[in-house]
N, C-alpha and C. Protein backbone atom coordinates (compact mmCIF):
# COMPACT_ATOMS: atom_id res chain seq x y z
N GLY A 1 -3.62 11.53 6.11
CA GLY A 1 -2.38 12.46 6.31
C GLY A 1 -2.98 13.53 6.53
N GLY A 2 -4.22 14.13 5.93
CA GLY A 2 -4.49 15.48 6.46
C GLY A 2 -4.81 15.41 8.21
N ALA A 3 -5.75 14.50 8.58
CA ALA A 3 -6.07 14.57 9.79
C ALA A 3 -4.89 14.73 10.89
N VAL A 4 -3.57 13.86 10.59
CA VAL A 4 -2.34 13.68 11.05
C VAL A 4 -1.81 15.38 11.21
N VAL A 5 -1.73 15.82 10.30
CA VAL A 5 -1.14 17.23 10.00
C VAL A 5 -1.55 18.13 10.91
N LYS A 6 -3.18 18.07 11.08
CA LYS A 6 -4.10 19.20 11.65
C LYS A 6 -3.80 18.82 13.54
N MET A 7 -4.03 17.38 13.61
CA MET A 7 -3.75 17.10 14.59
C MET A 7 -1.80 17.62 15.60
N LEU A 8 -0.97 17.45 14.82
CA LEU A 8 0.15 17.65 14.82
C LEU A 8 0.22 19.27 14.76
N GLY A 9 0.02 20.40 13.93
CA GLY A 9 -0.51 21.45 14.21
C GLY A 9 -1.11 21.86 15.38
N LEU A 10 -2.24 21.33 16.18
CA LEU A 10 -2.66 21.16 17.65
C LEU A 10 -1.92 21.06 18.37
N ILE A 11 -1.28 20.12 18.50
CA ILE A 11 -0.14 19.65 19.54
C ILE A 11 1.01 20.54 19.82
N ARG A 12 1.69 21.33 18.58
CA ARG A 12 2.79 21.98 18.28
C ARG A 12 2.20 23.55 18.69
N GLY A 13 0.70 23.95 18.57
CA GLY A 13 0.63 25.38 18.70
C GLY A 13 0.70 25.88 17.36
N ARG A 14 0.23 25.07 16.33
CA ARG A 14 0.69 26.12 14.81
C ARG A 14 -0.87 25.81 14.16
N ALA A 15 -1.04 27.18 13.69
CA ALA A 15 -2.21 26.96 12.67
C ALA A 15 -2.02 26.30 11.17
N ILE A 16 -2.86 25.49 10.99
CA ILE A 16 -3.12 24.58 9.38
C ILE A 16 -3.93 25.33 8.70
N SER A 17 -3.45 25.84 7.74
CA SER A 17 -4.55 26.56 6.90
C SER A 17 -5.04 25.83 5.64
N GLY A 18 -5.72 26.01 5.00
CA GLY A 18 -6.52 25.52 4.14
C GLY A 18 -5.31 25.26 2.82
N GLU A 19 -4.48 26.83 2.49
CA GLU A 19 -3.26 26.43 1.66
C GLU A 19 -2.48 25.39 2.32
N ASP A 20 -2.27 25.33 3.21
CA ASP A 20 -1.40 24.67 3.83
C ASP A 20 -1.85 22.81 3.22
N MET A 21 -2.88 22.52 3.73
CA MET A 21 -3.63 21.37 3.41
C MET A 21 -3.77 21.18 2.13
N ALA A 22 -3.72 21.82 1.12
CA ALA A 22 -3.65 21.68 -0.51
C ALA A 22 -2.17 21.61 -0.92
N ALA A 23 -1.40 22.40 -0.35
CA ALA A 23 0.19 21.90 -0.53
C ALA A 23 0.81 20.43 -0.12
N LEU A 24 -0.25 20.30 1.08
CA LEU A 24 0.42 19.03 1.47
C LEU A 24 -0.42 17.71 0.44
N LYS A 25 -1.61 18.11 0.31
CA LYS A 25 -2.14 17.04 -0.76
C LYS A 25 -1.50 16.94 -2.18
N GLN A 26 -1.14 18.58 -2.72
CA GLN A 26 0.04 18.35 -4.16
C GLN A 26 1.11 17.76 -4.09
N ALA A 27 1.63 18.18 -2.84
CA ALA A 27 2.79 17.04 -2.55
C ALA A 27 2.88 15.50 -2.63
N VAL A 28 2.64 15.24 -2.01
CA VAL A 28 1.78 14.17 -1.53
C VAL A 28 1.70 13.27 -3.09
N ALA A 29 0.74 13.88 -3.83
CA ALA A 29 -0.06 13.35 -5.44
C ALA A 29 1.37 13.40 -5.97
N SER A 30 2.38 14.10 -5.80
CA SER A 30 3.32 14.15 -7.34
C SER A 30 4.85 13.33 -6.62
N MET A 31 4.54 12.62 -5.25
CA MET A 31 5.65 11.89 -4.89
C MET A 31 6.18 11.05 -5.88
N PRO A 32 7.75 11.19 -6.38
CA PRO A 32 8.54 10.22 -7.11
C PRO A 32 8.49 9.04 -6.27
N PRO A 33 8.10 7.55 -7.25
CA PRO A 33 8.19 6.25 -6.59
C PRO A 33 9.73 6.29 -6.25
N HIS A 34 10.37 5.26 -5.45
CA HIS A 34 11.46 4.84 -5.35
C HIS A 34 12.26 4.26 -6.74
N PRO A 35 13.62 4.15 -6.81
CA PRO A 35 13.93 4.10 -8.19
C PRO A 35 13.71 2.87 -8.85
N GLU A 36 13.97 1.54 -7.59
CA GLU A 36 13.65 0.53 -8.28
C GLU A 36 11.80 -0.22 -8.71
N VAL A 37 11.04 0.92 -8.44
CA VAL A 37 10.09 0.55 -8.12
C VAL A 37 9.37 -0.04 -9.29
N ALA A 38 9.42 1.13 -10.40
CA ALA A 38 9.01 0.57 -11.84
C ALA A 38 9.42 -0.88 -12.26
N ALA A 39 10.90 -1.15 -12.11
CA ALA A 39 11.55 -2.43 -13.04
C ALA A 39 10.98 -3.60 -12.22
N ALA A 40 10.79 -3.43 -10.40
CA ALA A 40 10.24 -4.07 -10.01
C ALA A 40 8.50 -4.64 -10.66
N LEU A 41 7.99 -3.42 -10.74
CA LEU A 41 6.55 -3.93 -11.00
C LEU A 41 6.46 -4.59 -12.14
N GLN A 42 7.23 -4.09 -12.89
CA GLN A 42 7.17 -4.95 -14.50
C GLN A 42 7.69 -6.51 -14.76
N LYS A 43 8.72 -6.55 -13.53
CA LYS A 43 9.52 -7.98 -13.47
C LYS A 43 7.79 -8.88 -12.74
N LEU A 44 7.04 -8.24 -11.81
CA LEU A 44 5.85 -9.19 -11.37
C LEU A 44 4.83 -9.00 -12.55
N LYS A 45 4.43 -8.24 -13.26
CA LYS A 45 3.72 -8.28 -13.94
C LYS A 45 4.18 -9.19 -15.46
N GLU A 46 5.33 -9.48 -15.55
CA GLU A 46 5.60 -10.47 -16.45
C GLU A 46 5.68 -11.85 -16.18
N ALA A 47 5.86 -11.80 -14.75
CA ALA A 47 5.62 -13.12 -14.10
C ALA A 47 4.21 -13.60 -13.54
N GLY A 48 3.22 -12.56 -14.65
CA GLY A 48 1.68 -13.19 -14.04
C GLY A 48 1.01 -12.81 -13.11
N PHE A 49 1.82 -12.14 -12.11
CA PHE A 49 1.08 -11.54 -10.91
C PHE A 49 -0.23 -10.47 -11.45
N ARG A 50 -1.13 -10.69 -10.72
CA ARG A 50 -2.21 -9.65 -10.90
C ARG A 50 -1.99 -8.67 -9.90
N MET A 51 -1.90 -7.03 -10.20
CA MET A 51 -1.42 -5.87 -9.06
C MET A 51 -2.68 -5.29 -9.00
N VAL A 52 -2.96 -4.92 -7.91
CA VAL A 52 -4.15 -3.68 -7.52
C VAL A 52 -4.03 -2.86 -6.37
N THR A 53 -4.12 -1.97 -6.20
CA THR A 53 -3.82 -0.95 -5.06
C THR A 53 -5.12 -0.74 -4.14
N LEU A 54 -4.62 -0.99 -2.44
CA LEU A 54 -5.90 -0.92 -1.57
C LEU A 54 -5.33 0.32 -0.82
N THR A 55 -5.64 1.45 -0.52
CA THR A 55 -5.34 2.67 0.31
C THR A 55 -6.82 3.23 1.17
N ASN A 56 -6.34 3.92 2.74
CA ASN A 56 -7.23 4.42 3.34
C ASN A 56 -7.40 5.57 2.57
N ASN A 57 -6.92 6.45 1.73
CA ASN A 57 -7.03 7.41 1.02
C ASN A 57 -7.94 7.31 -0.19
N PRO A 58 -8.63 8.37 -0.25
CA PRO A 58 -9.40 8.80 -1.70
C PRO A 58 -9.41 7.99 -2.73
N GLU A 59 -10.12 7.31 -3.22
CA GLU A 59 -9.21 6.94 -4.86
C GLU A 59 -8.42 8.20 -5.81
N LYS A 60 -9.36 8.94 -5.51
CA LYS A 60 -8.82 10.07 -6.53
C LYS A 60 -7.89 10.18 -6.15
N THR A 61 -7.24 10.65 -4.94
CA THR A 61 -5.72 10.90 -4.44
C THR A 61 -4.70 9.65 -4.94
N VAL A 62 -5.41 7.97 -4.82
CA VAL A 62 -4.20 7.20 -5.52
C VAL A 62 -4.21 7.45 -6.77
N ILE A 63 -5.29 7.59 -7.37
CA ILE A 63 -5.08 7.55 -9.19
C ILE A 63 -3.87 8.73 -9.71
N GLU A 64 -4.51 9.62 -9.06
CA GLU A 64 -3.24 11.14 -8.85
C GLU A 64 -2.30 10.62 -8.66
N GLN A 65 -2.00 9.79 -7.97
CA GLN A 65 -0.44 9.69 -7.17
C GLN A 65 0.38 8.47 -8.35
N LEU A 66 -0.62 7.66 -8.93
CA LEU A 66 0.07 6.63 -9.88
C LEU A 66 0.31 7.11 -10.86
N LYS A 67 -0.75 7.98 -11.65
CA LYS A 67 -0.52 8.74 -12.62
C LYS A 67 0.76 9.42 -12.90
N GLN A 68 0.84 10.46 -11.54
CA GLN A 68 2.24 11.24 -11.47
C GLN A 68 3.42 10.23 -11.60
N ALA A 69 3.71 9.31 -10.79
CA ALA A 69 4.68 8.52 -10.77
C ALA A 69 4.45 7.68 -12.28
N GLU A 70 3.55 7.98 -13.01
CA GLU A 70 3.83 6.67 -14.13
C GLU A 70 3.76 5.35 -13.97
N LEU A 71 2.73 5.04 -12.70
CA LEU A 71 3.04 3.48 -12.49
C LEU A 71 1.82 2.61 -12.64
N SER A 72 0.42 3.65 -13.27
CA SER A 72 -0.94 3.10 -13.41
C SER A 72 -0.98 1.87 -14.07
N ARG A 73 -0.14 2.00 -15.32
CA ARG A 73 0.01 0.62 -15.90
C ARG A 73 0.34 -0.43 -15.56
N PHE A 74 0.74 -0.66 -14.39
CA PHE A 74 1.10 -1.87 -13.87
C PHE A 74 -0.28 -2.23 -12.96
N PHE A 75 -1.10 -1.50 -12.48
CA PHE A 75 -2.40 -2.02 -11.95
C PHE A 75 -3.48 -2.45 -12.28
N GLU A 76 -4.08 -3.44 -12.08
CA GLU A 76 -5.77 -3.52 -13.06
C GLU A 76 -6.71 -2.62 -12.22
N ARG A 77 -6.22 -2.66 -11.18
CA ARG A 77 -7.41 -1.68 -10.32
C ARG A 77 -7.49 -1.17 -9.08
N SER A 78 -7.47 0.12 -8.72
CA SER A 78 -7.31 0.79 -7.34
C SER A 78 -8.42 0.79 -6.64
N PHE A 79 -8.14 0.39 -5.32
CA PHE A 79 -9.28 0.34 -4.47
C PHE A 79 -9.00 1.32 -2.77
N SER A 80 -10.02 2.53 -2.67
CA SER A 80 -10.15 2.57 -1.65
C SER A 80 -11.15 2.27 -0.56
N ILE A 81 -10.80 2.31 0.42
CA ILE A 81 -11.84 2.14 1.77
C ILE A 81 -13.05 3.02 1.57
N ASP A 82 -12.76 4.73 0.89
CA ASP A 82 -14.00 5.00 0.91
C ASP A 82 -15.14 4.96 -0.09
N ASP A 83 -14.85 3.89 -1.47
CA ASP A 83 -15.66 3.81 -1.94
C ASP A 83 -16.44 1.95 -1.90
N HIS A 84 -15.46 1.09 -1.27
CA HIS A 84 -16.22 0.09 -0.60
C HIS A 84 -16.66 -0.61 0.28
N VAL A 85 -15.53 -0.40 1.54
CA VAL A 85 -16.28 -0.66 3.13
C VAL A 85 -16.39 0.15 4.04
N ARG A 86 -15.88 1.47 3.71
CA ARG A 86 -15.60 2.61 4.84
C ARG A 86 -15.10 2.14 5.98
N ARG A 87 -14.40 1.22 5.94
CA ARG A 87 -13.54 0.56 7.34
C ARG A 87 -12.07 1.09 6.94
N TYR A 88 -11.16 1.84 7.79
CA TYR A 88 -10.00 1.87 7.34
C TYR A 88 -9.25 0.47 7.44
N LYS A 89 -8.23 0.22 6.75
CA LYS A 89 -7.05 -0.82 7.23
C LYS A 89 -6.35 -0.71 8.72
N PRO A 90 -6.38 -1.08 9.51
CA PRO A 90 -6.28 -2.72 9.39
C PRO A 90 -7.58 -3.66 9.44
N ALA A 91 -9.06 -3.10 9.07
CA ALA A 91 -10.08 -3.91 9.49
C ALA A 91 -10.06 -4.76 8.54
N PRO A 92 -10.56 -6.21 8.50
CA PRO A 92 -10.70 -7.38 8.05
C PRO A 92 -11.45 -7.01 6.87
N GLU A 93 -12.61 -6.27 6.95
CA GLU A 93 -13.37 -6.07 6.13
C GLU A 93 -12.85 -5.10 4.45
N SER A 94 -12.05 -4.26 4.58
CA SER A 94 -11.07 -3.60 3.90
C SER A 94 -10.42 -4.86 2.73
N TYR A 95 -9.66 -6.10 3.65
CA TYR A 95 -9.37 -6.61 2.65
C TYR A 95 -9.97 -7.41 1.75
N GLY A 96 -11.04 -8.15 2.55
CA GLY A 96 -12.20 -8.90 2.04
C GLY A 96 -13.01 -8.60 1.22
N ALA A 97 -13.08 -7.48 1.04
CA ALA A 97 -13.89 -6.79 -0.16
C ALA A 97 -13.23 -6.77 -1.26
N VAL A 98 -11.85 -6.61 -0.81
CA VAL A 98 -11.03 -6.52 -2.46
C VAL A 98 -10.42 -8.09 -2.63
N ALA A 99 -10.73 -8.90 -2.08
CA ALA A 99 -10.49 -10.31 -2.74
C ALA A 99 -12.04 -10.71 -3.18
N THR A 100 -12.90 -10.12 -2.86
CA THR A 100 -14.60 -10.33 -3.07
C THR A 100 -14.45 -9.77 -4.78
N ALA A 101 -13.82 -8.54 -4.71
CA ALA A 101 -14.19 -7.81 -6.25
C ALA A 101 -13.49 -8.27 -7.28
N LEU A 102 -12.12 -9.14 -6.38
CA LEU A 102 -11.39 -9.81 -7.40
C LEU A 102 -12.03 -11.25 -8.13
N GLY A 103 -12.60 -11.88 -7.10
CA GLY A 103 -13.38 -13.09 -7.30
C GLY A 103 -12.07 -14.16 -6.97
N VAL A 104 -11.71 -14.02 -5.81
CA VAL A 104 -10.16 -14.69 -5.48
C VAL A 104 -10.52 -14.67 -3.66
N GLN A 105 -9.46 -15.80 -3.05
CA GLN A 105 -9.61 -16.13 -1.99
C GLN A 105 -8.37 -15.35 -1.24
N LEU A 106 -8.54 -14.93 -0.01
CA LEU A 106 -7.78 -13.77 0.84
C LEU A 106 -6.50 -14.81 0.84
N SER A 107 -6.25 -15.92 0.83
CA SER A 107 -5.19 -17.03 1.07
C SER A 107 -4.37 -16.78 -0.64
N GLN A 108 -5.08 -16.47 -1.59
CA GLN A 108 -4.61 -16.29 -2.80
C GLN A 108 -4.02 -14.60 -2.89
N CYS A 109 -4.02 -14.11 -1.88
CA CYS A 109 -3.63 -12.90 -1.92
C CYS A 109 -2.08 -12.39 -1.16
N CYS A 110 -1.43 -11.43 -1.60
CA CYS A 110 -0.12 -11.11 -0.93
C CYS A 110 -0.25 -9.51 -0.62
N MET A 111 -0.34 -8.83 0.71
CA MET A 111 -0.41 -7.37 0.69
C MET A 111 1.42 -7.23 0.62
N VAL A 112 1.58 -6.58 -0.25
CA VAL A 112 2.88 -5.74 -0.06
C VAL A 112 2.54 -4.31 0.17
N ALA A 113 3.34 -4.51 1.51
CA ALA A 113 3.29 -2.52 2.40
C ALA A 113 4.96 -2.46 2.72
N CYS A 114 5.02 -1.19 3.50
CA CYS A 114 5.62 -0.68 4.16
C CYS A 114 5.26 0.02 5.54
N HIS A 115 4.31 -0.55 5.86
CA HIS A 115 3.39 -0.48 6.88
C HIS A 115 2.87 -1.44 7.94
N ALA A 116 3.79 -1.65 8.99
CA ALA A 116 3.58 -2.55 9.54
C ALA A 116 1.98 -3.18 10.34
N TRP A 117 1.16 -2.19 10.37
CA TRP A 117 -0.01 -2.59 10.60
C TRP A 117 -0.78 -3.13 9.44
N ASP A 118 -0.43 -2.92 8.04
CA ASP A 118 -1.04 -3.42 7.13
C ASP A 118 -0.95 -4.80 7.03
N ILE A 119 0.39 -4.65 7.46
CA ILE A 119 0.95 -6.38 7.22
C ILE A 119 0.14 -7.29 8.47
N LEU A 120 0.03 -6.78 9.85
CA LEU A 120 -0.64 -7.53 10.94
C LEU A 120 -2.13 -7.66 10.48
N GLY A 121 -2.82 -6.89 9.70
CA GLY A 121 -4.26 -6.56 9.38
C GLY A 121 -4.22 -7.52 8.31
N ALA A 122 -3.34 -7.74 6.96
CA ALA A 122 -3.54 -8.71 5.96
C ALA A 122 -3.69 -10.12 6.13
N ALA A 123 -2.28 -10.38 7.34
CA ALA A 123 -2.04 -11.69 8.04
C ALA A 123 -3.41 -11.82 9.15
N ALA A 124 -3.99 -11.72 9.30
CA ALA A 124 -4.84 -11.81 10.23
C ALA A 124 -5.91 -12.32 9.64
N VAL A 125 -6.21 -11.86 8.14
CA VAL A 125 -7.40 -12.52 7.27
C VAL A 125 -6.62 -13.71 6.53
N GLY A 126 -5.48 -13.89 6.91
CA GLY A 126 -5.09 -15.15 5.88
C GLY A 126 -4.22 -14.55 4.56
N MET A 127 -3.86 -13.47 4.42
CA MET A 127 -3.10 -13.14 3.47
C MET A 127 -1.85 -13.29 3.74
N GLU A 128 -0.99 -13.71 2.66
CA GLU A 128 0.63 -13.88 2.35
C GLU A 128 0.87 -12.14 2.24
N THR A 129 2.05 -11.77 2.99
CA THR A 129 2.20 -10.77 3.65
C THR A 129 4.10 -10.38 2.94
N ALA A 130 3.99 -9.33 2.57
CA ALA A 130 5.35 -8.87 2.04
C ALA A 130 5.65 -7.22 2.78
N LEU A 131 6.68 -7.43 3.77
CA LEU A 131 7.02 -6.13 4.51
C LEU A 131 8.49 -5.39 3.85
N LEU A 132 7.98 -4.08 3.07
CA LEU A 132 8.85 -3.40 2.36
C LEU A 132 9.97 -2.76 3.82
N LEU A 133 11.25 -2.95 3.73
CA LEU A 133 12.13 -2.40 4.86
C LEU A 133 12.82 -1.05 4.72
N ARG A 134 11.89 -0.22 3.99
CA ARG A 134 12.45 1.01 3.64
C ARG A 134 13.48 1.60 4.92
N PRO A 135 14.55 2.48 4.52
CA PRO A 135 14.99 3.23 6.10
C PRO A 135 14.14 4.01 6.78
N GLY A 136 14.30 3.75 8.05
CA GLY A 136 13.24 3.82 9.07
C GLY A 136 12.46 2.90 9.55
N ASN A 137 12.20 2.12 8.79
CA ASN A 137 11.12 0.95 9.32
C ASN A 137 11.54 -0.26 9.35
N ALA A 138 11.29 -1.23 10.45
CA ALA A 138 11.17 -2.30 10.75
C ALA A 138 9.97 -3.42 11.33
N VAL A 139 10.46 -4.35 11.18
CA VAL A 139 9.43 -5.51 11.63
C VAL A 139 8.70 -5.35 12.80
N ILE A 140 7.94 -5.62 13.13
CA ILE A 140 7.11 -5.17 14.51
C ILE A 140 6.60 -6.45 15.24
N SER A 141 7.67 -6.97 16.26
CA SER A 141 7.46 -7.93 17.20
C SER A 141 6.29 -8.55 17.89
N VAL A 142 5.30 -8.24 17.12
CA VAL A 142 4.14 -8.33 17.40
C VAL A 142 3.36 -9.37 16.87
N GLY A 143 2.36 -10.10 16.94
CA GLY A 143 1.37 -10.42 15.63
C GLY A 143 2.21 -11.48 14.94
N PRO A 144 1.42 -11.80 13.78
CA PRO A 144 1.91 -12.56 12.66
C PRO A 144 2.96 -11.84 12.14
N GLN A 145 4.27 -12.68 11.40
CA GLN A 145 5.17 -12.22 11.20
C GLN A 145 4.93 -11.85 9.25
N PRO A 146 5.73 -11.05 8.70
CA PRO A 146 5.63 -11.23 7.39
C PRO A 146 6.03 -12.41 6.91
N THR A 147 5.27 -12.76 5.90
CA THR A 147 5.96 -13.93 4.89
C THR A 147 7.12 -13.50 4.20
N ILE A 148 7.43 -12.61 3.44
CA ILE A 148 8.68 -12.14 2.85
C ILE A 148 8.77 -10.66 3.60
N THR A 149 10.41 -10.31 3.75
CA THR A 149 10.87 -9.18 3.89
C THR A 149 11.89 -8.68 2.67
N GLY A 150 11.74 -7.23 2.90
CA GLY A 150 13.03 -7.23 1.56
C GLY A 150 13.43 -5.75 1.88
N SER A 151 14.16 -4.88 1.34
CA SER A 151 14.98 -3.84 1.85
C SER A 151 14.58 -2.55 0.39
N ASP A 152 13.70 -3.43 -0.55
CA ASP A 152 13.42 -2.66 -1.37
C ASP A 152 12.39 -3.63 -2.19
N LEU A 153 11.86 -3.24 -3.44
CA LEU A 153 10.36 -3.86 -4.03
C LEU A 153 11.01 -4.97 -4.80
N GLY A 154 12.38 -4.60 -5.46
CA GLY A 154 13.03 -5.56 -6.12
C GLY A 154 13.25 -6.79 -5.12
N VAL A 155 13.79 -6.49 -4.45
CA VAL A 155 14.25 -8.02 -3.52
C VAL A 155 13.01 -8.53 -3.30
N VAL A 156 11.76 -7.85 -2.70
CA VAL A 156 10.73 -8.47 -2.95
C VAL A 156 9.85 -9.43 -3.89
N ALA A 157 10.03 -8.63 -4.80
CA ALA A 157 9.02 -9.08 -6.24
C ALA A 157 10.35 -10.56 -6.72
N ASP A 158 11.87 -10.21 -6.35
CA ASP A 158 12.51 -11.44 -6.76
C ASP A 158 11.80 -12.58 -5.76
N ALA A 159 11.39 -12.19 -4.34
CA ALA A 159 11.55 -13.57 -3.69
C ALA A 159 9.94 -13.92 -3.80
N LEU A 160 8.75 -13.13 -4.40
CA LEU A 160 7.63 -13.57 -4.65
C LEU A 160 7.49 -14.21 -5.89
N ILE A 161 8.46 -13.84 -6.79
CA ILE A 161 8.60 -14.76 -7.80
C ILE A 161 8.98 -15.92 -7.75
N ALA A 162 10.12 -16.24 -7.22
CA ALA A 162 10.94 -17.50 -6.38
C ALA A 162 9.96 -18.17 -5.81
N CYS A 163 8.66 -17.68 -4.86
CA CYS A 163 7.90 -18.47 -4.44
C CYS A 163 6.95 -19.03 -5.08
N HIS A 164 6.44 -18.19 -6.13
CA HIS A 164 5.29 -18.54 -6.67
C HIS A 164 5.22 -18.96 -8.25
N VAL A 165 5.67 -18.84 -9.17
CA VAL A 165 6.58 -18.89 -10.44
C VAL A 165 7.02 -20.17 -10.18
N HIS A 166 6.67 -21.43 -11.17
CA HIS A 166 7.58 -22.29 -11.31
C HIS A 166 7.30 -22.81 -12.72
């Protein structure tokens, strides 16, 4: 995110200061979750799903985000590419490292994301995928399509439970 802000500053001819970067990091770390997220995660947890995070951000950032959003309790573990493979998603190694660490096969995992590139990367290594279609987001018409789509995490959670809990 910081690199993109610096790039946009260059494009638009605006200086990005250290204070600007610190404010951006604080804003990202303290963003509230969408209203349905906690209930949807609770539903998935009660249904027996193991949940972890995988991010291109530093682990410290995601841990702070989850803490600030009061969502940490739902996740078994948080993975950062910085701590594991040092290859940004959608590199296959980033997904494979998580499956290996969890002792599962990639085909037993589902990537839930609102980024089409993440869905493409996860599908390419054999993972199930679920794309959140938040406003301003859409399915991309190249590559493998998401297994599940939904307008919010509640819809996706219900579909995952319907597919996997018997």
